Amino acid sequence: MAERLKLSFVSARNERINQLLDGHIKPEGVDLIWTNSDPSETFWRQLKFHEFEVFEMSFSSLLIAKSQGNDMVGIPVFPSRRFMHALLSVNVDSGVDSAKDLYGKRIGVGEYQQTASLWTRGVLQHDFGVDQFSVEWWMERSEELSHGGATG
């Protein structure tokens, strides 16, 4: 019998990978050594320390890391599919009634480089004509713990 490949794998437990973690789905010939980690911490750790062999990564962070010579290999697996711009919410007192009203406003995101933020900026610009530079972007994470801080 061939020796099974052991790969370190980091992810938060969620509905997209529960069956993998519970053993209902088994990768053929592979043993995944799982580490539980919140995505925001996972991305930062992987970008900063390259700790794991299998990991989820923000698309924009992957592109930046590749442009800086990182040898990460992205595979086209998209475990989270949703219309991110449908998740935007506004303060009822903000005066925002349509996307065009976002000009000059602040938009808070968990992380500027996260894929959800990348898609939101693209949709706002290409579908609603709101240039990403016409709003002020605020990040939840400080620079030393952000994707941007890890990629420079």
N, C-alpha and C. Protein backbone atom coordinates (compact mmCIF):
# COMPACT_ATOMS: atom_id res chain seq x y z
N MET A 1 0.85 -1.18 0.00
CA MET A 1 0.00 0.00 0.00
C MET A 1 0.89 1.24 0.00
N ALA A 2 0.55 2.19 -0.83
CA ALA A 2 1.32 3.43 -0.94
C ALA A 2 1.16 4.27 0.32
N GLU A 3 2.24 4.97 0.67
CA GLU A 3 2.19 5.85 1.83
C GLU A 3 1.29 7.04 1.52
N ARG A 4 0.47 7.41 2.49
CA ARG A 4 -0.45 8.53 2.31
C ARG A 4 0.31 9.85 2.47
N LEU A 5 -0.05 10.80 1.65
CA LEU A 5 0.53 12.13 1.71
C LEU A 5 -0.06 12.88 2.89
N LYS A 6 0.77 13.47 3.73
CA LYS A 6 0.30 14.26 4.88
C LYS A 6 0.50 15.73 4.55
N LEU A 7 -0.59 16.49 4.64
CA LEU A 7 -0.54 17.92 4.34
C LEU A 7 -1.14 18.71 5.50
N SER A 8 -0.46 19.78 5.90
CA SER A 8 -1.01 20.68 6.91
C SER A 8 -2.09 21.52 6.25
N PHE A 9 -3.22 21.67 6.94
CA PHE A 9 -4.40 22.34 6.40
C PHE A 9 -4.96 23.27 7.46
N VAL A 10 -5.19 24.52 7.11
CA VAL A 10 -5.71 25.48 8.06
C VAL A 10 -7.02 26.06 7.54
N SER A 11 -8.00 26.13 8.44
CA SER A 11 -9.30 26.70 8.08
C SER A 11 -10.12 26.83 9.36
N ALA A 12 -11.08 27.71 9.32
CA ALA A 12 -12.08 27.75 10.38
C ALA A 12 -13.09 26.64 10.09
N ARG A 13 -13.66 26.08 11.12
CA ARG A 13 -14.74 25.11 10.91
C ARG A 13 -15.96 25.90 10.42
N ASN A 14 -16.49 25.47 9.30
CA ASN A 14 -17.67 26.14 8.74
C ASN A 14 -18.44 25.15 7.87
N GLU A 15 -19.61 25.58 7.41
CA GLU A 15 -20.50 24.70 6.65
C GLU A 15 -19.87 24.21 5.34
N ARG A 16 -18.87 24.91 4.84
CA ARG A 16 -18.26 24.51 3.56
C ARG A 16 -17.28 23.36 3.71
N ILE A 17 -16.73 23.16 4.91
CA ILE A 17 -15.73 22.09 5.07
C ILE A 17 -16.07 21.09 6.18
N ASN A 18 -17.23 21.23 6.81
CA ASN A 18 -17.58 20.33 7.90
C ASN A 18 -17.49 18.86 7.51
N GLN A 19 -17.99 18.51 6.32
CA GLN A 19 -17.97 17.10 5.90
C GLN A 19 -16.55 16.59 5.71
N LEU A 20 -15.66 17.45 5.31
CA LEU A 20 -14.25 17.08 5.19
C LEU A 20 -13.65 16.82 6.58
N LEU A 21 -13.93 17.72 7.52
CA LEU A 21 -13.39 17.59 8.87
C LEU A 21 -14.01 16.42 9.63
N ASP A 22 -15.29 16.14 9.36
CA ASP A 22 -15.98 15.04 10.04
C ASP A 22 -15.68 13.67 9.42
N GLY A 23 -14.96 13.65 8.30
CA GLY A 23 -14.60 12.39 7.66
C GLY A 23 -15.61 11.86 6.67
N HIS A 24 -16.70 12.59 6.43
CA HIS A 24 -17.69 12.15 5.43
C HIS A 24 -17.12 12.23 4.01
N ILE A 25 -16.23 13.18 3.80
CA ILE A 25 -15.50 13.31 2.54
C ILE A 25 -14.03 13.08 2.87
N LYS A 26 -13.41 12.17 2.12
CA LYS A 26 -12.01 11.82 2.39
C LYS A 26 -11.20 11.99 1.11
N PRO A 27 -10.20 12.87 1.14
CA PRO A 27 -9.34 13.01 -0.03
C PRO A 27 -8.56 11.71 -0.25
N GLU A 28 -8.58 11.22 -1.45
CA GLU A 28 -7.92 9.95 -1.76
C GLU A 28 -6.40 10.07 -1.61
N GLY A 29 -5.83 9.24 -0.76
CA GLY A 29 -4.39 9.19 -0.59
C GLY A 29 -3.79 10.33 0.23
N VAL A 30 -4.64 11.12 0.88
CA VAL A 30 -4.16 12.31 1.60
C VAL A 30 -4.70 12.31 3.03
N ASP A 31 -3.83 12.60 3.97
CA ASP A 31 -4.23 12.87 5.35
C ASP A 31 -4.02 14.36 5.59
N LEU A 32 -5.11 15.05 5.90
CA LEU A 32 -5.02 16.48 6.21
C LEU A 32 -4.83 16.66 7.71
N ILE A 33 -3.79 17.38 8.08
CA ILE A 33 -3.53 17.70 9.48
C ILE A 33 -4.10 19.10 9.71
N TRP A 34 -5.30 19.14 10.31
CA TRP A 34 -6.09 20.37 10.38
C TRP A 34 -5.72 21.24 11.57
N THR A 35 -5.62 22.54 11.32
CA THR A 35 -5.50 23.56 12.35
C THR A 35 -6.69 24.49 12.21
N ASN A 36 -7.42 24.70 13.31
CA ASN A 36 -8.58 25.59 13.31
C ASN A 36 -8.10 27.03 13.48
N SER A 37 -8.51 27.91 12.57
CA SER A 37 -8.08 29.31 12.64
C SER A 37 -9.09 30.18 11.91
N ASP A 38 -9.42 31.31 12.49
CA ASP A 38 -10.30 32.28 11.85
C ASP A 38 -9.64 32.78 10.56
N PRO A 39 -10.42 33.00 9.48
CA PRO A 39 -9.81 33.43 8.22
C PRO A 39 -8.91 34.66 8.33
N SER A 40 -9.30 35.64 9.10
CA SER A 40 -8.46 36.84 9.20
C SER A 40 -7.09 36.50 9.76
N GLU A 41 -7.05 35.63 10.75
CA GLU A 41 -5.76 35.20 11.31
C GLU A 41 -5.03 34.27 10.34
N THR A 42 -5.78 33.38 9.71
CA THR A 42 -5.18 32.43 8.76
C THR A 42 -4.43 33.14 7.65
N PHE A 43 -5.08 34.10 7.01
CA PHE A 43 -4.48 34.80 5.87
C PHE A 43 -3.21 35.52 6.32
N TRP A 44 -3.30 36.21 7.45
CA TRP A 44 -2.15 36.95 7.96
C TRP A 44 -1.00 35.99 8.27
N ARG A 45 -1.29 34.89 8.98
CA ARG A 45 -0.25 33.91 9.34
C ARG A 45 0.40 33.32 8.09
N GLN A 46 -0.43 32.98 7.11
CA GLN A 46 0.12 32.35 5.91
C GLN A 46 0.96 33.34 5.11
N LEU A 47 0.49 34.56 4.98
CA LEU A 47 1.25 35.57 4.24
C LEU A 47 2.55 35.93 4.95
N LYS A 48 2.53 35.94 6.26
CA LYS A 48 3.69 36.35 7.06
C LYS A 48 4.68 35.20 7.29
N PHE A 49 4.16 34.01 7.60
CA PHE A 49 5.03 32.92 8.06
C PHE A 49 5.03 31.67 7.16
N HIS A 50 4.12 31.58 6.20
CA HIS A 50 4.06 30.43 5.28
C HIS A 50 3.99 29.11 6.05
N GLU A 51 3.06 29.02 7.00
CA GLU A 51 3.00 27.88 7.93
C GLU A 51 2.36 26.62 7.37
N PHE A 52 1.45 26.75 6.41
CA PHE A 52 0.60 25.62 6.03
C PHE A 52 0.75 25.29 4.54
N GLU A 53 0.44 24.05 4.21
CA GLU A 53 0.53 23.60 2.83
C GLU A 53 -0.79 23.77 2.08
N VAL A 54 -1.91 23.68 2.78
CA VAL A 54 -3.23 23.86 2.19
C VAL A 54 -3.95 24.93 2.99
N PHE A 55 -4.44 25.95 2.31
CA PHE A 55 -5.04 27.09 3.00
C PHE A 55 -5.93 27.86 2.03
N GLU A 56 -6.89 28.57 2.60
CA GLU A 56 -7.70 29.50 1.83
C GLU A 56 -6.96 30.83 1.81
N MET A 57 -7.10 31.57 0.71
CA MET A 57 -6.40 32.85 0.61
C MET A 57 -7.27 33.83 -0.16
N SER A 58 -7.24 35.06 0.27
CA SER A 58 -7.88 36.15 -0.45
C SER A 58 -7.26 36.25 -1.84
N PHE A 59 -8.10 36.39 -2.86
CA PHE A 59 -7.61 36.47 -4.23
C PHE A 59 -6.66 37.64 -4.42
N SER A 60 -7.03 38.80 -3.90
CA SER A 60 -6.16 39.97 -4.08
C SER A 60 -4.84 39.80 -3.32
N SER A 61 -4.88 39.18 -2.13
CA SER A 61 -3.64 38.93 -1.39
C SER A 61 -2.75 37.93 -2.13
N LEU A 62 -3.36 36.93 -2.76
CA LEU A 62 -2.59 35.97 -3.55
C LEU A 62 -1.90 36.68 -4.71
N LEU A 63 -2.62 37.55 -5.41
CA LEU A 63 -2.02 38.28 -6.54
C LEU A 63 -0.86 39.16 -6.09
N ILE A 64 -1.04 39.85 -4.97
CA ILE A 64 0.03 40.71 -4.45
C ILE A 64 1.23 39.86 -4.05
N ALA A 65 0.99 38.77 -3.32
CA ALA A 65 2.09 37.89 -2.89
C ALA A 65 2.84 37.33 -4.10
N LYS A 66 2.10 36.90 -5.13
CA LYS A 66 2.74 36.38 -6.35
C LYS A 66 3.59 37.46 -7.02
N SER A 67 3.09 38.69 -7.04
CA SER A 67 3.84 39.78 -7.68
C SER A 67 5.13 40.09 -6.92
N GLN A 68 5.20 39.68 -5.65
CA GLN A 68 6.39 39.89 -4.83
C GLN A 68 7.30 38.66 -4.80
N GLY A 69 7.01 37.68 -5.66
CA GLY A 69 7.87 36.51 -5.77
C GLY A 69 7.49 35.32 -4.92
N ASN A 70 6.38 35.39 -4.19
CA ASN A 70 5.94 34.26 -3.38
C ASN A 70 5.57 33.10 -4.31
N ASP A 71 5.92 31.88 -3.93
CA ASP A 71 5.67 30.74 -4.81
C ASP A 71 4.35 30.01 -4.51
N MET A 72 3.40 30.68 -3.84
CA MET A 72 2.09 30.08 -3.61
C MET A 72 1.46 29.70 -4.94
N VAL A 73 0.72 28.60 -4.94
CA VAL A 73 -0.01 28.17 -6.13
C VAL A 73 -1.49 28.23 -5.80
N GLY A 74 -2.25 28.97 -6.57
CA GLY A 74 -3.68 29.05 -6.37
C GLY A 74 -4.38 28.03 -7.24
N ILE A 75 -5.37 27.35 -6.68
CA ILE A 75 -6.18 26.45 -7.48
C ILE A 75 -7.60 27.00 -7.49
N PRO A 76 -8.33 26.78 -8.58
CA PRO A 76 -9.66 27.40 -8.71
C PRO A 76 -10.74 26.67 -7.91
N VAL A 77 -10.68 26.85 -6.61
CA VAL A 77 -11.71 26.32 -5.71
C VAL A 77 -12.31 27.52 -5.00
N PHE A 78 -13.61 27.68 -5.11
CA PHE A 78 -14.28 28.85 -4.54
C PHE A 78 -15.31 28.37 -3.52
N PRO A 79 -14.89 28.20 -2.26
CA PRO A 79 -15.78 27.64 -1.26
C PRO A 79 -16.89 28.59 -0.82
N SER A 80 -16.75 29.85 -1.08
CA SER A 80 -17.76 30.82 -0.66
C SER A 80 -18.25 31.57 -1.88
N ARG A 81 -19.52 31.38 -2.21
CA ARG A 81 -20.09 32.05 -3.37
C ARG A 81 -21.33 32.83 -2.94
N ARG A 82 -21.24 34.11 -3.05
CA ARG A 82 -22.41 34.95 -2.76
C ARG A 82 -22.19 36.32 -3.36
N PHE A 83 -23.24 37.07 -3.49
CA PHE A 83 -23.15 38.42 -4.01
C PHE A 83 -22.80 39.34 -2.85
N MET A 84 -21.52 39.68 -2.75
CA MET A 84 -21.01 40.43 -1.60
C MET A 84 -21.66 41.81 -1.46
N HIS A 85 -21.97 42.45 -2.58
CA HIS A 85 -22.54 43.79 -2.48
C HIS A 85 -23.95 43.76 -1.89
N ALA A 86 -24.58 42.60 -1.89
CA ALA A 86 -25.90 42.49 -1.26
C ALA A 86 -25.78 42.53 0.26
N LEU A 87 -24.57 42.43 0.77
CA LEU A 87 -24.34 42.44 2.21
C LEU A 87 -24.00 43.82 2.74
N LEU A 88 -24.00 44.83 1.88
CA LEU A 88 -23.72 46.19 2.33
C LEU A 88 -24.90 46.70 3.16
N SER A 89 -24.59 47.39 4.23
CA SER A 89 -25.64 48.01 5.03
C SER A 89 -25.20 49.42 5.36
N VAL A 90 -26.17 50.29 5.56
CA VAL A 90 -25.86 51.69 5.83
C VAL A 90 -26.63 52.16 7.07
N ASN A 91 -26.07 53.15 7.71
CA ASN A 91 -26.73 53.79 8.84
C ASN A 91 -27.95 54.54 8.29
N VAL A 92 -29.08 54.38 8.92
CA VAL A 92 -30.31 55.02 8.44
C VAL A 92 -30.20 56.54 8.42
N ASP A 93 -29.30 57.10 9.22
CA ASP A 93 -29.13 58.55 9.27
C ASP A 93 -28.01 59.04 8.34
N SER A 94 -27.48 58.18 7.49
CA SER A 94 -26.32 58.54 6.66
C SER A 94 -26.68 59.36 5.43
N GLY A 95 -27.95 59.36 5.03
CA GLY A 95 -28.33 60.04 3.80
C GLY A 95 -28.06 59.22 2.55
N VAL A 96 -27.70 57.97 2.71
CA VAL A 96 -27.43 57.10 1.57
C VAL A 96 -28.72 56.37 1.19
N ASP A 97 -29.22 56.70 -0.01
CA ASP A 97 -30.41 56.03 -0.53
C ASP A 97 -30.09 55.20 -1.76
N SER A 98 -28.94 55.45 -2.38
CA SER A 98 -28.51 54.67 -3.54
C SER A 98 -26.99 54.61 -3.53
N ALA A 99 -26.43 53.78 -4.38
CA ALA A 99 -24.97 53.63 -4.43
C ALA A 99 -24.28 54.96 -4.73
N LYS A 100 -24.86 55.79 -5.57
CA LYS A 100 -24.24 57.08 -5.91
C LYS A 100 -24.07 57.97 -4.67
N ASP A 101 -24.90 57.76 -3.66
CA ASP A 101 -24.80 58.55 -2.43
C ASP A 101 -23.59 58.17 -1.58
N LEU A 102 -22.84 57.15 -1.99
CA LEU A 102 -21.66 56.72 -1.23
C LEU A 102 -20.46 57.64 -1.46
N TYR A 103 -20.49 58.47 -2.50
CA TYR A 103 -19.38 59.39 -2.77
C TYR A 103 -19.05 60.19 -1.51
N GLY A 104 -17.77 60.17 -1.13
CA GLY A 104 -17.31 60.92 0.04
C GLY A 104 -17.61 60.28 1.37
N LYS A 105 -18.28 59.14 1.37
CA LYS A 105 -18.64 58.45 2.62
C LYS A 105 -17.53 57.49 3.03
N ARG A 106 -17.65 56.99 4.24
CA ARG A 106 -16.73 55.96 4.76
C ARG A 106 -17.40 54.60 4.61
N ILE A 107 -16.61 53.63 4.16
CA ILE A 107 -17.09 52.24 4.08
C ILE A 107 -16.15 51.39 4.92
N GLY A 108 -16.71 50.69 5.87
CA GLY A 108 -15.92 49.83 6.73
C GLY A 108 -15.89 48.41 6.20
N VAL A 109 -14.70 47.83 6.17
CA VAL A 109 -14.52 46.44 5.74
C VAL A 109 -13.61 45.74 6.74
N GLY A 110 -13.73 44.43 6.80
CA GLY A 110 -12.85 43.68 7.69
C GLY A 110 -11.40 43.84 7.30
N GLU A 111 -11.17 43.81 6.00
CA GLU A 111 -9.81 43.84 5.45
C GLU A 111 -9.90 44.34 4.01
N TYR A 112 -9.11 45.32 3.66
CA TYR A 112 -9.16 45.91 2.32
C TYR A 112 -8.84 44.87 1.25
N GLN A 113 -7.91 43.94 1.53
CA GLN A 113 -7.50 42.94 0.54
C GLN A 113 -8.40 41.71 0.50
N GLN A 114 -9.34 41.57 1.43
CA GLN A 114 -10.15 40.35 1.42
C GLN A 114 -10.97 40.29 0.13
N THR A 115 -11.25 39.10 -0.32
CA THR A 115 -11.95 38.90 -1.59
C THR A 115 -13.31 39.59 -1.59
N ALA A 116 -14.03 39.54 -0.48
CA ALA A 116 -15.33 40.21 -0.41
C ALA A 116 -15.20 41.70 -0.68
N SER A 117 -14.17 42.33 -0.14
CA SER A 117 -13.94 43.76 -0.37
C SER A 117 -13.54 44.03 -1.81
N LEU A 118 -12.72 43.16 -2.38
CA LEU A 118 -12.33 43.29 -3.78
C LEU A 118 -13.56 43.26 -4.68
N TRP A 119 -14.42 42.27 -4.47
CA TRP A 119 -15.65 42.17 -5.27
C TRP A 119 -16.56 43.38 -5.05
N THR A 120 -16.69 43.81 -3.80
CA THR A 120 -17.55 44.95 -3.50
C THR A 120 -17.05 46.20 -4.22
N ARG A 121 -15.74 46.45 -4.19
CA ARG A 121 -15.20 47.61 -4.91
C ARG A 121 -15.47 47.50 -6.41
N GLY A 122 -15.28 46.30 -6.96
CA GLY A 122 -15.51 46.10 -8.38
C GLY A 122 -16.96 46.29 -8.77
N VAL A 123 -17.87 45.74 -7.99
CA VAL A 123 -19.30 45.88 -8.29
C VAL A 123 -19.73 47.33 -8.15
N LEU A 124 -19.29 48.00 -7.09
CA LEU A 124 -19.65 49.42 -6.93
C LEU A 124 -19.16 50.24 -8.11
N GLN A 125 -17.94 49.97 -8.57
CA GLN A 125 -17.39 50.75 -9.67
C GLN A 125 -18.03 50.38 -11.00
N HIS A 126 -18.10 49.11 -11.32
CA HIS A 126 -18.52 48.69 -12.66
C HIS A 126 -20.03 48.62 -12.84
N ASP A 127 -20.77 48.32 -11.78
CA ASP A 127 -22.22 48.23 -11.90
C ASP A 127 -22.95 49.50 -11.47
N PHE A 128 -22.32 50.28 -10.58
CA PHE A 128 -23.01 51.45 -10.04
C PHE A 128 -22.26 52.76 -10.27
N GLY A 129 -21.09 52.70 -10.91
CA GLY A 129 -20.35 53.91 -11.23
C GLY A 129 -19.71 54.61 -10.04
N VAL A 130 -19.52 53.90 -8.93
CA VAL A 130 -18.91 54.49 -7.74
C VAL A 130 -17.43 54.11 -7.73
N ASP A 131 -16.58 55.07 -8.07
CA ASP A 131 -15.14 54.83 -8.11
C ASP A 131 -14.63 54.50 -6.71
N GLN A 132 -13.77 53.48 -6.62
CA GLN A 132 -13.27 53.06 -5.30
C GLN A 132 -12.50 54.16 -4.58
N PHE A 133 -11.97 55.12 -5.32
CA PHE A 133 -11.20 56.21 -4.71
C PHE A 133 -12.08 57.39 -4.31
N SER A 134 -13.39 57.29 -4.56
CA SER A 134 -14.30 58.37 -4.20
C SER A 134 -14.88 58.18 -2.80
N VAL A 135 -14.55 57.06 -2.17
CA VAL A 135 -15.00 56.80 -0.80
C VAL A 135 -13.77 56.57 0.08
N GLU A 136 -13.98 56.64 1.37
CA GLU A 136 -12.90 56.40 2.33
C GLU A 136 -13.09 55.00 2.91
N TRP A 137 -12.09 54.14 2.77
CA TRP A 137 -12.17 52.76 3.23
C TRP A 137 -11.56 52.63 4.62
N TRP A 138 -12.31 52.05 5.53
CA TRP A 138 -11.85 51.82 6.90
C TRP A 138 -11.75 50.32 7.13
N MET A 139 -10.63 49.89 7.70
CA MET A 139 -10.42 48.47 7.97
C MET A 139 -10.64 48.16 9.44
N GLU A 140 -11.19 46.99 9.68
CA GLU A 140 -11.39 46.51 11.05
C GLU A 140 -10.05 46.18 11.70
N ARG A 141 -9.13 45.61 10.94
CA ARG A 141 -7.85 45.15 11.49
C ARG A 141 -6.79 46.22 11.40
N SER A 142 -5.91 46.22 12.38
CA SER A 142 -4.78 47.14 12.35
C SER A 142 -3.76 46.64 11.33
N GLU A 143 -2.89 47.52 10.87
CA GLU A 143 -1.94 47.17 9.81
C GLU A 143 -1.06 45.98 10.16
N GLU A 144 -0.62 45.90 11.42
CA GLU A 144 0.29 44.80 11.78
C GLU A 144 -0.39 43.44 11.77
N LEU A 145 -1.73 43.39 11.75
CA LEU A 145 -2.45 42.12 11.69
C LEU A 145 -3.25 41.96 10.41
N SER A 146 -3.03 42.83 9.45
CA SER A 146 -3.82 42.79 8.22
C SER A 146 -3.07 42.08 7.10
N HIS A 147 -3.81 41.71 6.05
CA HIS A 147 -3.20 41.13 4.85
C HIS A 147 -2.20 42.13 4.28
N GLY A 148 -2.61 43.40 4.23
CA GLY A 148 -1.74 44.44 3.69
C GLY A 148 -0.44 44.57 4.47
N GLY A 149 -0.53 44.48 5.79
CA GLY A 149 0.68 44.53 6.60
C GLY A 149 1.58 43.34 6.35
N ALA A 150 0.98 42.19 6.09
CA ALA A 150 1.77 40.98 5.84
C ALA A 150 2.39 40.97 4.45
N THR A 151 1.75 41.63 3.48
CA THR A 151 2.30 41.65 2.12
C THR A 151 3.13 42.89 1.85
N GLY A 152 3.18 43.80 2.82
CA GLY A 152 3.99 45.00 2.66
C GLY A 152 3.19 46.11 2.09
